[in-house]
mmCIF file of all heavy atoms, coordinates in Angstrom:
data_MODEL
# 
_entry.id   MODEL 
# 
loop_
_atom_site.group_PDB 
_atom_site.id 
_atom_site.type_symbol 
_atom_site.label_atom_id 
_atom_site.label_alt_id 
_atom_site.label_comp_id 
_atom_site.label_asym_id 
_atom_site.label_entity_id 
_atom_site.label_seq_id 
_atom_site.pdbx_PDB_ins_code 
_atom_site.Cartn_x 
_atom_site.Cartn_y 
_atom_site.Cartn_z 
_atom_site.occupancy 
_atom_site.B_iso_or_equiv 
_atom_site.pdbx_formal_charge 
_atom_site.auth_seq_id 
_atom_site.auth_comp_id 
_atom_site.auth_asym_id 
_atom_site.auth_atom_id 
_atom_site.pdbx_PDB_model_num 
ATOM 1   N N   . ALA A 1 1  ? 5.915  54.389 34.185 1.00 0.00 ? 1  ALA A N   1 
ATOM 2   C CA  . ALA A 1 1  ? 4.867  54.365 35.250 1.00 0.00 ? 1  ALA A CA  1 
ATOM 3   C C   . ALA A 1 1  ? 4.219  52.962 35.236 1.00 0.00 ? 1  ALA A C   1 
ATOM 4   O O   . ALA A 1 1  ? 3.991  52.386 34.173 1.00 0.00 ? 1  ALA A O   1 
ATOM 5   C CB  . ALA A 1 1  ? 3.835  55.428 35.002 1.00 0.00 ? 1  ALA A CB  1 
ATOM 6   N N   . PHE A 1 2  ? 3.968  52.436 36.405 1.00 0.00 ? 2  PHE A N   1 
ATOM 7   C CA  . PHE A 1 2  ? 3.303  51.138 36.517 1.00 0.00 ? 2  PHE A CA  1 
ATOM 8   C C   . PHE A 1 2  ? 1.834  51.355 36.981 1.00 0.00 ? 2  PHE A C   1 
ATOM 9   O O   . PHE A 1 2  ? 1.570  52.192 37.833 1.00 0.00 ? 2  PHE A O   1 
ATOM 10  C CB  . PHE A 1 2  ? 4.008  50.231 37.530 1.00 0.00 ? 2  PHE A CB  1 
ATOM 11  C CG  . PHE A 1 2  ? 5.352  49.702 37.032 1.00 0.00 ? 2  PHE A CG  1 
ATOM 12  C CD1 . PHE A 1 2  ? 6.214  49.057 37.910 1.00 0.00 ? 2  PHE A CD1 1 
ATOM 13  C CD2 . PHE A 1 2  ? 5.751  49.846 35.719 1.00 0.00 ? 2  PHE A CD2 1 
ATOM 14  C CE1 . PHE A 1 2  ? 7.396  48.574 37.466 1.00 0.00 ? 2  PHE A CE1 1 
ATOM 15  C CE2 . PHE A 1 2  ? 6.934  49.348 35.242 1.00 0.00 ? 2  PHE A CE2 1 
ATOM 16  C CZ  . PHE A 1 2  ? 7.799  48.717 36.176 1.00 0.00 ? 2  PHE A CZ  1 
ATOM 17  N N   . THR A 1 3  ? 0.957  50.534 36.417 1.00 0.00 ? 3  THR A N   1 
ATOM 18  C CA  . THR A 1 3  ? -0.459 50.656 36.775 1.00 0.00 ? 3  THR A CA  1 
ATOM 19  C C   . THR A 1 3  ? -0.823 49.769 37.950 1.00 0.00 ? 3  THR A C   1 
ATOM 20  O O   . THR A 1 3  ? -1.891 49.975 38.541 1.00 0.00 ? 3  THR A O   1 
ATOM 21  C CB  . THR A 1 3  ? -1.321 50.295 35.574 1.00 0.00 ? 3  THR A CB  1 
ATOM 22  O OG1 . THR A 1 3  ? -1.093 48.940 35.165 1.00 0.00 ? 3  THR A OG1 1 
ATOM 23  C CG2 . THR A 1 3  ? -1.120 51.240 34.415 1.00 0.00 ? 3  THR A CG2 1 
ATOM 24  N N   . SER A 1 4  ? -0.024 48.779 38.289 1.00 0.00 ? 4  SER A N   1 
ATOM 25  C CA  . SER A 1 4  ? -0.316 47.886 39.440 1.00 0.00 ? 4  SER A CA  1 
ATOM 26  C C   . SER A 1 4  ? 0.257  48.487 40.722 1.00 0.00 ? 4  SER A C   1 
ATOM 27  O O   . SER A 1 4  ? 1.462  48.553 40.905 1.00 0.00 ? 4  SER A O   1 
ATOM 28  C CB  . SER A 1 4  ? 0.293  46.515 39.226 1.00 0.00 ? 4  SER A CB  1 
ATOM 29  O OG  . SER A 1 4  ? 0.159  45.720 40.404 1.00 0.00 ? 4  SER A OG  1 
ATOM 30  N N   . HIS A 1 5  ? -0.640 48.888 41.606 1.00 0.00 ? 5  HIS A N   1 
ATOM 31  C CA  . HIS A 1 5  ? -0.210 49.466 42.877 1.00 0.00 ? 5  HIS A CA  1 
ATOM 32  C C   . HIS A 1 5  ? 0.473  48.379 43.731 1.00 0.00 ? 5  HIS A C   1 
ATOM 33  O O   . HIS A 1 5  ? 1.407  48.734 44.486 1.00 0.00 ? 5  HIS A O   1 
ATOM 34  C CB  . HIS A 1 5  ? -1.405 50.058 43.595 1.00 0.00 ? 5  HIS A CB  1 
ATOM 35  C CG  . HIS A 1 5  ? -2.009 51.240 42.908 1.00 0.00 ? 5  HIS A CG  1 
ATOM 36  N ND1 . HIS A 1 5  ? -2.590 52.302 43.579 1.00 0.00 ? 5  HIS A ND1 1 
ATOM 37  C CD2 . HIS A 1 5  ? -2.127 51.535 41.593 1.00 0.00 ? 5  HIS A CD2 1 
ATOM 38  C CE1 . HIS A 1 5  ? -3.037 53.196 42.710 1.00 0.00 ? 5  HIS A CE1 1 
ATOM 39  N NE2 . HIS A 1 5  ? -2.775 52.751 41.495 1.00 0.00 ? 5  HIS A NE2 1 
ATOM 40  N N   . ILE A 1 6  ? -0.018 47.150 43.660 1.00 0.00 ? 6  ILE A N   1 
ATOM 41  C CA  . ILE A 1 6  ? 0.617  46.094 44.436 1.00 0.00 ? 6  ILE A CA  1 
ATOM 42  C C   . ILE A 1 6  ? 2.060  45.887 44.043 1.00 0.00 ? 6  ILE A C   1 
ATOM 43  O O   . ILE A 1 6  ? 2.942  45.761 44.890 1.00 0.00 ? 6  ILE A O   1 
ATOM 44  C CB  . ILE A 1 6  ? -0.178 44.783 44.244 1.00 0.00 ? 6  ILE A CB  1 
ATOM 45  C CG1 . ILE A 1 6  ? -1.607 44.931 44.871 1.00 0.00 ? 6  ILE A CG1 1 
ATOM 46  C CG2 . ILE A 1 6  ? 0.561  43.585 44.893 1.00 0.00 ? 6  ILE A CG2 1 
ATOM 47  C CD1 . ILE A 1 6  ? -2.467 43.740 44.634 1.00 0.00 ? 6  ILE A CD1 1 
ATOM 48  N N   . ILE A 1 7  ? 2.302  45.859 42.733 1.00 0.00 ? 7  ILE A N   1 
ATOM 49  C CA  . ILE A 1 7  ? 3.682  45.686 42.252 1.00 0.00 ? 7  ILE A CA  1 
ATOM 50  C C   . ILE A 1 7  ? 4.547  46.876 42.635 1.00 0.00 ? 7  ILE A C   1 
ATOM 51  O O   . ILE A 1 7  ? 5.709  46.662 43.055 1.00 0.00 ? 7  ILE A O   1 
ATOM 52  C CB  . ILE A 1 7  ? 3.652  45.457 40.725 1.00 0.00 ? 7  ILE A CB  1 
ATOM 53  C CG1 . ILE A 1 7  ? 3.161  44.059 40.370 1.00 0.00 ? 7  ILE A CG1 1 
ATOM 54  C CG2 . ILE A 1 7  ? 5.031  45.676 40.106 1.00 0.00 ? 7  ILE A CG2 1 
ATOM 55  C CD1 . ILE A 1 7  ? 2.962  43.753 38.892 1.00 0.00 ? 7  ILE A CD1 1 
ATOM 56  N N   . ILE A 1 8  ? 4.016  48.046 42.497 1.00 0.00 ? 8  ILE A N   1 
ATOM 57  C CA  . ILE A 1 8  ? 4.776  49.261 42.943 1.00 0.00 ? 8  ILE A CA  1 
ATOM 58  C C   . ILE A 1 8  ? 5.200  49.150 44.381 1.00 0.00 ? 8  ILE A C   1 
ATOM 59  O O   . ILE A 1 8  ? 6.372  49.390 44.731 1.00 0.00 ? 8  ILE A O   1 
ATOM 60  C CB  . ILE A 1 8  ? 3.938  50.492 42.703 1.00 0.00 ? 8  ILE A CB  1 
ATOM 61  C CG1 . ILE A 1 8  ? 3.777  50.789 41.203 1.00 0.00 ? 8  ILE A CG1 1 
ATOM 62  C CG2 . ILE A 1 8  ? 4.575  51.738 43.416 1.00 0.00 ? 8  ILE A CG2 1 
ATOM 63  C CD1 . ILE A 1 8  ? 2.769  51.924 40.917 1.00 0.00 ? 8  ILE A CD1 1 
ATOM 64  N N   . ASN A 1 9  ? 4.294  48.761 45.229 1.00 0.00 ? 9  ASN A N   1 
ATOM 65  C CA  . ASN A 1 9  ? 4.579  48.661 46.659 1.00 0.00 ? 9  ASN A CA  1 
ATOM 66  C C   . ASN A 1 9  ? 5.618  47.560 46.947 1.00 0.00 ? 9  ASN A C   1 
ATOM 67  O O   . ASN A 1 9  ? 6.527  47.724 47.782 1.00 0.00 ? 9  ASN A O   1 
ATOM 68  C CB  . ASN A 1 9  ? 3.283  48.362 47.462 1.00 0.00 ? 9  ASN A CB  1 
ATOM 69  C CG  . ASN A 1 9  ? 2.330  49.548 47.440 1.00 0.00 ? 9  ASN A CG  1 
ATOM 70  O OD1 . ASN A 1 9  ? 2.755  50.698 47.235 1.00 0.00 ? 9  ASN A OD1 1 
ATOM 71  N ND2 . ASN A 1 9  ? 1.068  49.313 47.657 1.00 0.00 ? 9  ASN A ND2 1 
ATOM 72  N N   . ARG A 1 10 ? 5.476  46.399 46.308 1.00 0.00 ? 10 ARG A N   1 
ATOM 73  C CA  . ARG A 1 10 ? 6.404  45.309 46.532 1.00 0.00 ? 10 ARG A CA  1 
ATOM 74  C C   . ARG A 1 10 ? 7.822  45.649 46.060 1.00 0.00 ? 10 ARG A C   1 
ATOM 75  O O   . ARG A 1 10 ? 8.809  45.316 46.710 1.00 0.00 ? 10 ARG A O   1 
ATOM 76  C CB  . ARG A 1 10 ? 5.913  44.046 45.824 1.00 0.00 ? 10 ARG A CB  1 
ATOM 77  C CG  . ARG A 1 10 ? 4.665  43.450 46.553 1.00 0.00 ? 10 ARG A CG  1 
ATOM 78  C CD  . ARG A 1 10 ? 4.190  42.169 45.844 1.00 0.00 ? 10 ARG A CD  1 
ATOM 79  N NE  . ARG A 1 10 ? 3.031  41.643 46.478 1.00 0.00 ? 10 ARG A NE  1 
ATOM 80  C CZ  . ARG A 1 10 ? 2.302  40.630 46.024 1.00 0.00 ? 10 ARG A CZ  1 
ATOM 81  N NH1 . ARG A 1 10 ? 2.639  40.052 44.878 1.00 0.00 ? 10 ARG A NH1 1 
ATOM 82  N NH2 . ARG A 1 10 ? 1.235  40.184 46.715 1.00 0.00 ? 10 ARG A NH2 1 
ATOM 83  N N   . ILE A 1 11 ? 7.906  46.325 44.920 1.00 0.00 ? 11 ILE A N   1 
ATOM 84  C CA  . ILE A 1 11 ? 9.210  46.718 44.424 1.00 0.00 ? 11 ILE A CA  1 
ATOM 85  C C   . ILE A 1 11 ? 9.874  47.707 45.373 1.00 0.00 ? 11 ILE A C   1 
ATOM 86  O O   . ILE A 1 11 ? 11.058 47.641 45.695 1.00 0.00 ? 11 ILE A O   1 
ATOM 87  C CB  . ILE A 1 11 ? 9.144  47.337 42.997 1.00 0.00 ? 11 ILE A CB  1 
ATOM 88  C CG1 . ILE A 1 11 ? 8.741  46.239 42.004 1.00 0.00 ? 11 ILE A CG1 1 
ATOM 89  C CG2 . ILE A 1 11 ? 10.458 47.944 42.595 1.00 0.00 ? 11 ILE A CG2 1 
ATOM 90  C CD1 . ILE A 1 11 ? 8.487  46.776 40.635 1.00 0.00 ? 11 ILE A CD1 1 
ATOM 91  N N   . ALA A 1 12 ? 9.088  48.642 45.895 1.00 0.00 ? 12 ALA A N   1 
ATOM 92  C CA  . ALA A 1 12 ? 9.588  49.639 46.848 1.00 0.00 ? 12 ALA A CA  1 
ATOM 93  C C   . ALA A 1 12 ? 10.079 48.968 48.135 1.00 0.00 ? 12 ALA A C   1 
ATOM 94  O O   . ALA A 1 12 ? 11.126 49.318 48.629 1.00 0.00 ? 12 ALA A O   1 
ATOM 95  C CB  . ALA A 1 12 ? 8.504  50.655 47.148 1.00 0.00 ? 12 ALA A CB  1 
ATOM 96  N N   . GLU A 1 13 ? 9.332  47.980 48.611 1.00 0.00 ? 13 GLU A N   1 
ATOM 97  C CA  . GLU A 1 13 ? 9.706  47.282 49.842 1.00 0.00 ? 13 GLU A CA  1 
ATOM 98  C C   . GLU A 1 13 ? 10.925 46.402 49.673 1.00 0.00 ? 13 GLU A C   1 
ATOM 99  O O   . GLU A 1 13 ? 11.803 46.380 50.517 1.00 0.00 ? 13 GLU A O   1 
ATOM 100 C CB  . GLU A 1 13 ? 8.514  46.423 50.322 1.00 0.00 ? 13 GLU A CB  1 
ATOM 101 C CG  . GLU A 1 13 ? 7.308  47.251 50.795 1.00 0.00 ? 13 GLU A CG  1 
ATOM 102 C CD  . GLU A 1 13 ? 6.099  46.309 51.032 1.00 0.00 ? 13 GLU A CD  1 
ATOM 103 O OE1 . GLU A 1 13 ? 6.227  45.074 50.880 1.00 0.00 ? 13 GLU A OE1 1 
ATOM 104 O OE2 . GLU A 1 13 ? 5.025  46.884 51.399 1.00 0.00 ? 13 GLU A OE2 1 
ATOM 105 N N   . ASN A 1 14 ? 10.996 45.699 48.527 1.00 0.00 ? 14 ASN A N   1 
ATOM 106 C CA  . ASN A 1 14 ? 12.064 44.746 48.328 1.00 0.00 ? 14 ASN A CA  1 
ATOM 107 C C   . ASN A 1 14 ? 13.317 45.270 47.675 1.00 0.00 ? 14 ASN A C   1 
ATOM 108 O O   . ASN A 1 14 ? 14.398 44.761 47.871 1.00 0.00 ? 14 ASN A O   1 
ATOM 109 C CB  . ASN A 1 14 ? 11.525 43.550 47.509 1.00 0.00 ? 14 ASN A CB  1 
ATOM 110 C CG  . ASN A 1 14 ? 10.366 42.816 48.166 1.00 0.00 ? 14 ASN A CG  1 
ATOM 111 O OD1 . ASN A 1 14 ? 10.330 42.735 49.393 1.00 0.00 ? 14 ASN A OD1 1 
ATOM 112 N ND2 . ASN A 1 14 ? 9.472  42.258 47.377 1.00 0.00 ? 14 ASN A ND2 1 
ATOM 113 N N   . GLU A 1 15 ? 13.150 46.322 46.861 1.00 0.00 ? 15 GLU A N   1 
ATOM 114 C CA  . GLU A 1 15 ? 14.290 46.859 46.102 1.00 0.00 ? 15 GLU A CA  1 
ATOM 115 C C   . GLU A 1 15 ? 14.614 48.287 46.391 1.00 0.00 ? 15 GLU A C   1 
ATOM 116 O O   . GLU A 1 15 ? 15.703 48.778 46.024 1.00 0.00 ? 15 GLU A O   1 
ATOM 117 C CB  . GLU A 1 15 ? 14.014 46.718 44.576 1.00 0.00 ? 15 GLU A CB  1 
ATOM 118 C CG  . GLU A 1 15 ? 13.724 45.296 44.130 1.00 0.00 ? 15 GLU A CG  1 
ATOM 119 C CD  . GLU A 1 15 ? 13.416 45.247 42.645 1.00 0.00 ? 15 GLU A CD  1 
ATOM 120 O OE1 . GLU A 1 15 ? 14.018 46.033 41.894 1.00 0.00 ? 15 GLU A OE1 1 
ATOM 121 O OE2 . GLU A 1 15 ? 12.558 44.420 42.270 1.00 0.00 ? 15 GLU A OE2 1 
ATOM 122 N N   . GLY A 1 16 ? 13.701 48.995 47.086 1.00 0.00 ? 16 GLY A N   1 
ATOM 123 C CA  . GLY A 1 16 ? 13.925 50.386 47.354 1.00 0.00 ? 16 GLY A CA  1 
ATOM 124 C C   . GLY A 1 16 ? 13.801 51.287 46.150 1.00 0.00 ? 16 GLY A C   1 
ATOM 125 O O   . GLY A 1 16 ? 14.220 52.426 46.107 1.00 0.00 ? 16 GLY A O   1 
ATOM 126 N N   . ILE A 1 17 ? 13.173 50.725 45.075 1.00 0.00 ? 17 ILE A N   1 
ATOM 127 C CA  . ILE A 1 17 ? 12.962 51.497 43.837 1.00 0.00 ? 17 ILE A CA  1 
ATOM 128 C C   . ILE A 1 17 ? 11.492 51.982 43.836 1.00 0.00 ? 17 ILE A C   1 
ATOM 129 O O   . ILE A 1 17 ? 10.602 51.150 44.109 1.00 0.00 ? 17 ILE A O   1 
ATOM 130 C CB  . ILE A 1 17 ? 13.234 50.668 42.605 1.00 0.00 ? 17 ILE A CB  1 
ATOM 131 C CG1 . ILE A 1 17 ? 14.692 50.207 42.606 1.00 0.00 ? 17 ILE A CG1 1 
ATOM 132 C CG2 . ILE A 1 17 ? 12.907 51.417 41.337 1.00 0.00 ? 17 ILE A CG2 1 
ATOM 133 C CD1 . ILE A 1 17 ? 15.045 49.249 41.490 1.00 0.00 ? 17 ILE A CD1 1 
ATOM 134 N N   . HIS A 1 18 ? 11.266 53.214 43.523 1.00 0.00 ? 18 HIS A N   1 
ATOM 135 C CA  . HIS A 1 18 ? 9.897  53.768 43.600 1.00 0.00 ? 18 HIS A CA  1 
ATOM 136 C C   . HIS A 1 18 ? 9.411  54.179 42.184 1.00 0.00 ? 18 HIS A C   1 
ATOM 137 O O   . HIS A 1 18 ? 9.817  55.175 41.655 1.00 0.00 ? 18 HIS A O   1 
ATOM 138 C CB  . HIS A 1 18 ? 9.869  54.967 44.504 1.00 0.00 ? 18 HIS A CB  1 
ATOM 139 C CG  . HIS A 1 18 ? 10.223 54.660 45.928 1.00 0.00 ? 18 HIS A CG  1 
ATOM 140 N ND1 . HIS A 1 18 ? 9.341  54.222 46.834 1.00 0.00 ? 18 HIS A ND1 1 
ATOM 141 C CD2 . HIS A 1 18 ? 11.455 54.675 46.551 1.00 0.00 ? 18 HIS A CD2 1 
ATOM 142 C CE1 . HIS A 1 18 ? 9.959  53.984 48.009 1.00 0.00 ? 18 HIS A CE1 1 
ATOM 143 N NE2 . HIS A 1 18 ? 11.268 54.224 47.821 1.00 0.00 ? 18 HIS A NE2 1 
ATOM 144 N N   . TYR A 1 19 ? 8.570  53.276 41.637 1.00 0.00 ? 19 TYR A N   1 
ATOM 145 C CA  . TYR A 1 19 ? 7.969  53.572 40.355 1.00 0.00 ? 19 TYR A CA  1 
ATOM 146 C C   . TYR A 1 19 ? 6.666  54.384 40.625 1.00 0.00 ? 19 TYR A C   1 
ATOM 147 O O   . TYR A 1 19 ? 5.872  54.018 41.505 1.00 0.00 ? 19 TYR A O   1 
ATOM 148 C CB  . TYR A 1 19 ? 7.584  52.312 39.569 1.00 0.00 ? 19 TYR A CB  1 
ATOM 149 C CG  . TYR A 1 19 ? 8.820  51.633 38.930 1.00 0.00 ? 19 TYR A CG  1 
ATOM 150 C CD1 . TYR A 1 19 ? 9.474  50.639 39.642 1.00 0.00 ? 19 TYR A CD1 1 
ATOM 151 C CD2 . TYR A 1 19 ? 9.223  51.967 37.660 1.00 0.00 ? 19 TYR A CD2 1 
ATOM 152 C CE1 . TYR A 1 19 ? 10.568 49.998 39.062 1.00 0.00 ? 19 TYR A CE1 1 
ATOM 153 C CE2 . TYR A 1 19 ? 10.303 51.355 37.092 1.00 0.00 ? 19 TYR A CE2 1 
ATOM 154 C CZ  . TYR A 1 19 ? 10.986 50.340 37.785 1.00 0.00 ? 19 TYR A CZ  1 
ATOM 155 O OH  . TYR A 1 19 ? 12.065 49.707 37.216 1.00 0.00 ? 19 TYR A OH  1 
ATOM 156 N N   . PRO A 1 20 ? 6.394  55.434 39.825 1.00 0.00 ? 20 PRO A N   1 
ATOM 157 C CA  . PRO A 1 20 ? 5.114  56.114 40.017 1.00 0.00 ? 20 PRO A CA  1 
ATOM 158 C C   . PRO A 1 20 ? 3.960  55.435 39.315 1.00 0.00 ? 20 PRO A C   1 
ATOM 159 O O   . PRO A 1 20 ? 4.174  54.641 38.371 1.00 0.00 ? 20 PRO A O   1 
ATOM 160 C CB  . PRO A 1 20 ? 5.399  57.497 39.360 1.00 0.00 ? 20 PRO A CB  1 
ATOM 161 C CG  . PRO A 1 20 ? 6.327  57.130 38.231 1.00 0.00 ? 20 PRO A CG  1 
ATOM 162 C CD  . PRO A 1 20 ? 7.221  56.011 38.780 1.00 0.00 ? 20 PRO A CD  1 
ATOM 163 N N   . THR A 1 21 ? 2.748  55.721 39.755 1.00 0.00 ? 21 THR A N   1 
ATOM 164 C CA  . THR A 1 21 ? 1.558  55.369 38.983 1.00 0.00 ? 21 THR A CA  1 
ATOM 165 C C   . THR A 1 21 ? 1.485  56.387 37.839 1.00 0.00 ? 21 THR A C   1 
ATOM 166 O O   . THR A 1 21 ? 2.130  57.423 37.868 1.00 0.00 ? 21 THR A O   1 
ATOM 167 C CB  . THR A 1 21 ? 0.325  55.449 39.846 1.00 0.00 ? 21 THR A CB  1 
ATOM 168 O OG1 . THR A 1 21 ? 0.139  56.829 40.244 1.00 0.00 ? 21 THR A OG1 1 
ATOM 169 C CG2 . THR A 1 21 ? 0.402  54.527 41.056 1.00 0.00 ? 21 THR A CG2 1 
ATOM 170 N N   . PRO A 1 22 ? 0.720  56.111 36.819 1.00 0.00 ? 22 PRO A N   1 
ATOM 171 C CA  . PRO A 1 22 ? 0.537  57.117 35.745 1.00 0.00 ? 22 PRO A CA  1 
ATOM 172 C C   . PRO A 1 22 ? 0.046  58.468 36.296 1.00 0.00 ? 22 PRO A C   1 
ATOM 173 O O   . PRO A 1 22 ? 0.490  59.541 35.830 1.00 0.00 ? 22 PRO A O   1 
ATOM 174 C CB  . PRO A 1 22 ? -0.485 56.477 34.798 1.00 0.00 ? 22 PRO A CB  1 
ATOM 175 C CG  . PRO A 1 22 ? -0.312 55.030 34.994 1.00 0.00 ? 22 PRO A CG  1 
ATOM 176 C CD  . PRO A 1 22 ? 0.027  54.866 36.471 1.00 0.00 ? 22 PRO A CD  1 
ATOM 177 N N   . GLU A 1 23 ? -0.840 58.416 37.290 1.00 0.00 ? 23 GLU A N   1 
ATOM 178 C CA  . GLU A 1 23 ? -1.367 59.633 37.887 1.00 0.00 ? 23 GLU A CA  1 
ATOM 179 C C   . GLU A 1 23 ? -0.239 60.410 38.577 1.00 0.00 ? 23 GLU A C   1 
ATOM 180 O O   . GLU A 1 23 ? -0.125 61.630 38.393 1.00 0.00 ? 23 GLU A O   1 
ATOM 181 C CB  . GLU A 1 23 ? -2.471 59.323 38.918 1.00 0.00 ? 23 GLU A CB  1 
ATOM 182 C CG  . GLU A 1 23 ? -3.731 58.659 38.312 1.00 0.00 ? 23 GLU A CG  1 
ATOM 183 C CD  . GLU A 1 23 ? -3.722 57.184 38.291 1.00 0.00 ? 23 GLU A CD  1 
ATOM 184 O OE1 . GLU A 1 23 ? -2.614 56.566 38.257 1.00 0.00 ? 23 GLU A OE1 1 
ATOM 185 O OE2 . GLU A 1 23 ? -4.816 56.589 38.368 1.00 0.00 ? 23 GLU A OE2 1 
ATOM 186 N N   . GLN A 1 24 ? 0.591  59.717 39.301 1.00 0.00 ? 24 GLN A N   1 
ATOM 187 C CA  . GLN A 1 24 ? 1.709  60.367 39.993 1.00 0.00 ? 24 GLN A CA  1 
ATOM 188 C C   . GLN A 1 24 ? 2.734  60.930 38.982 1.00 0.00 ? 24 GLN A C   1 
ATOM 189 O O   . GLN A 1 24 ? 3.241  62.030 39.184 1.00 0.00 ? 24 GLN A O   1 
ATOM 190 C CB  . GLN A 1 24 ? 2.411  59.395 40.930 1.00 0.00 ? 24 GLN A CB  1 
ATOM 191 C CG  . GLN A 1 24 ? 1.557  59.002 42.127 1.00 0.00 ? 24 GLN A CG  1 
ATOM 192 C CD  . GLN A 1 24 ? 2.139  57.821 42.936 1.00 0.00 ? 24 GLN A CD  1 
ATOM 193 O OE1 . GLN A 1 24 ? 2.943  57.049 42.392 1.00 0.00 ? 24 GLN A OE1 1 
ATOM 194 N NE2 . GLN A 1 24 ? 1.748  57.671 44.151 1.00 0.00 ? 24 GLN A NE2 1 
# 
């Protein structure tokens, strides 16, 4: 899980990989 929401969003947009936040 990644704590940076910005990084999560950028990875999803650029790589199509979806890391969850710790809460998710």
